[in-house]
Amino acid sequence: MGRLFFLFVTIALVVIAVIVATNNAILTTVDLYVESYEASLSIIILYSFIIGAFTTLMYLVSIIFSYKKRIRQMNISLENNKQELDNLRRNPLRDGTE
C-alpha cells in the first residue's frame, strides 16, 4: 500500500514539474549580490531543490554520527554496569554484625 502511494505521489510530482517547466520556459534573472544569472524558472527550481536536499543530507549525516557516538558511549557504560553487577553478585552479603 505504501509503495503504491509513493508511486502515485512521484508520478503526480513529475507531471506537475513537466507542466511548470513547459509553462515557464522564459528566462529569469537571479541576482546573488555578487553575480547575476539568467536561466529558466524550472532550472532554478531544480537547482534550489538539489542544493536543499544536499544541505539536508549533510545535516542528517552529522546527526547520525552524533547518535552513533552516543550509542557507543552508552554501550561502554552498559558493559561497565554489567561487570559491576556481576562483581556484586559474586560477593557474599554482609549483614554488618562482623
Protein backbone atom coordinates (compact mmCIF):
# COMPACT_ATOMS: atom_id res chain seq x y z
CA MET A 1 0.00 0.00 0.00
CA GLY A 2 2.79 2.41 0.92
CA ARG A 3 4.71 1.71 -2.28
CA LEU A 4 1.63 2.33 -4.39
CA PHE A 5 1.01 5.66 -2.63
CA PHE A 6 4.67 6.64 -3.13
CA LEU A 7 4.39 5.74 -6.82
CA PHE A 8 1.28 7.91 -7.29
CA VAL A 9 2.85 10.85 -5.46
CA THR A 10 6.01 10.55 -7.57
CA ILE A 11 4.06 10.43 -10.81
CA ALA A 12 1.99 13.45 -9.75
CA LEU A 13 5.13 15.43 -8.88
CA VAL A 14 6.74 14.57 -12.22
CA VAL A 15 3.63 15.65 -14.10
CA ILE A 16 3.47 18.93 -12.15
CA ALA A 17 7.18 19.53 -12.77
CA VAL A 18 6.75 18.99 -16.52
CA ILE A 19 3.76 21.34 -16.63
CA VAL A 20 5.63 24.05 -14.68
CA ALA A 21 8.71 23.63 -16.88
CA THR A 22 6.77 23.96 -20.13
CA ASN A 23 4.72 26.95 -18.97
CA ASN A 24 7.74 28.83 -17.61
CA ALA A 25 10.28 28.47 -20.37
CA ILE A 26 11.22 32.15 -20.46
CA LEU A 27 14.50 33.25 -18.91
CA THR A 28 14.52 34.62 -15.37
CA THR A 29 17.30 36.68 -13.82
CA VAL A 30 18.66 35.58 -10.46
CA ASP A 31 20.72 38.19 -8.60
CA LEU A 32 23.10 36.75 -5.98
CA TYR A 33 24.55 40.16 -4.98
CA VAL A 34 27.93 39.10 -6.38
CA GLU A 35 26.81 37.88 -9.76
CA SER A 36 23.56 37.51 -11.61
CA TYR A 37 22.48 34.64 -13.79
CA GLU A 38 19.79 34.12 -16.39
CA ALA A 39 18.11 30.73 -16.52
CA SER A 40 14.66 29.27 -16.94
CA LEU A 41 12.48 29.03 -13.87
CA SER A 42 12.38 25.24 -13.95
CA ILE A 43 16.18 25.04 -13.88
CA ILE A 44 16.32 27.49 -10.97
CA ILE A 45 13.76 25.43 -9.05
CA LEU A 46 15.66 22.22 -9.83
CA TYR A 47 18.98 23.66 -8.63
CA SER A 48 17.34 25.04 -5.50
CA PHE A 49 15.86 21.62 -4.74
CA ILE A 50 19.22 19.88 -5.25
CA ILE A 51 21.03 22.38 -3.01
CA GLY A 52 18.34 22.00 -0.33
CA ALA A 53 18.49 18.20 -0.50
CA PHE A 54 22.29 18.26 -0.23
CA THR A 55 22.17 20.63 2.77
CA THR A 56 19.58 18.44 4.48
CA LEU A 57 21.66 15.33 3.80
CA MET A 58 24.74 16.90 5.36
CA TYR A 59 22.73 17.92 8.43
CA LEU A 60 21.24 14.44 8.83
CA VAL A 61 24.65 12.77 8.45
CA SER A 62 26.01 14.92 11.29
CA ILE A 63 23.04 13.93 13.47
CA ILE A 64 23.58 10.25 12.66
CA PHE A 65 27.26 10.47 13.63
CA SER A 66 26.40 12.16 16.93
CA TYR A 67 23.85 9.44 17.73
CA LYS A 68 26.35 6.71 16.85
CA LYS A 69 28.86 8.29 19.24
CA ARG A 70 26.20 8.45 21.95
CA ILE A 71 25.27 4.78 21.37
CA ARG A 72 28.94 3.79 21.63
CA GLN A 73 29.27 5.66 24.95
CA MET A 74 26.08 4.07 26.28
CA ASN A 75 27.27 0.58 25.31
CA ILE A 76 30.54 1.16 27.19
CA SER A 77 28.58 2.36 30.22
CA LEU A 78 26.28 -0.68 29.95
CA GLU A 79 29.24 -3.07 29.89
CA ASN A 80 30.75 -1.36 32.94
CA ASN A 81 27.43 -1.62 34.79
CA LYS A 82 27.13 -5.32 33.87
CA GLN A 83 30.61 -6.02 35.19
CA GLU A 84 29.86 -4.16 38.41
CA LEU A 85 26.61 -6.07 38.86
CA ASP A 86 28.36 -9.40 38.27
CA ASN A 87 31.00 -8.47 40.86
CA LEU A 88 28.30 -7.57 43.37
CA ARG A 89 26.51 -10.89 42.75
CA ARG A 90 29.70 -12.86 43.38
CA ASN A 91 30.43 -11.23 46.75
CA PRO A 92 28.59 -12.69 49.74
CA LEU A 93 26.11 -10.50 51.54
CA ARG A 94 27.31 -8.92 54.77
CA ASP A 95 24.83 -8.12 57.48
CA GLY A 96 27.04 -5.57 59.26
CA THR A 97 27.49 -7.57 62.53
CA GLU A 98 31.10 -8.52 61.93
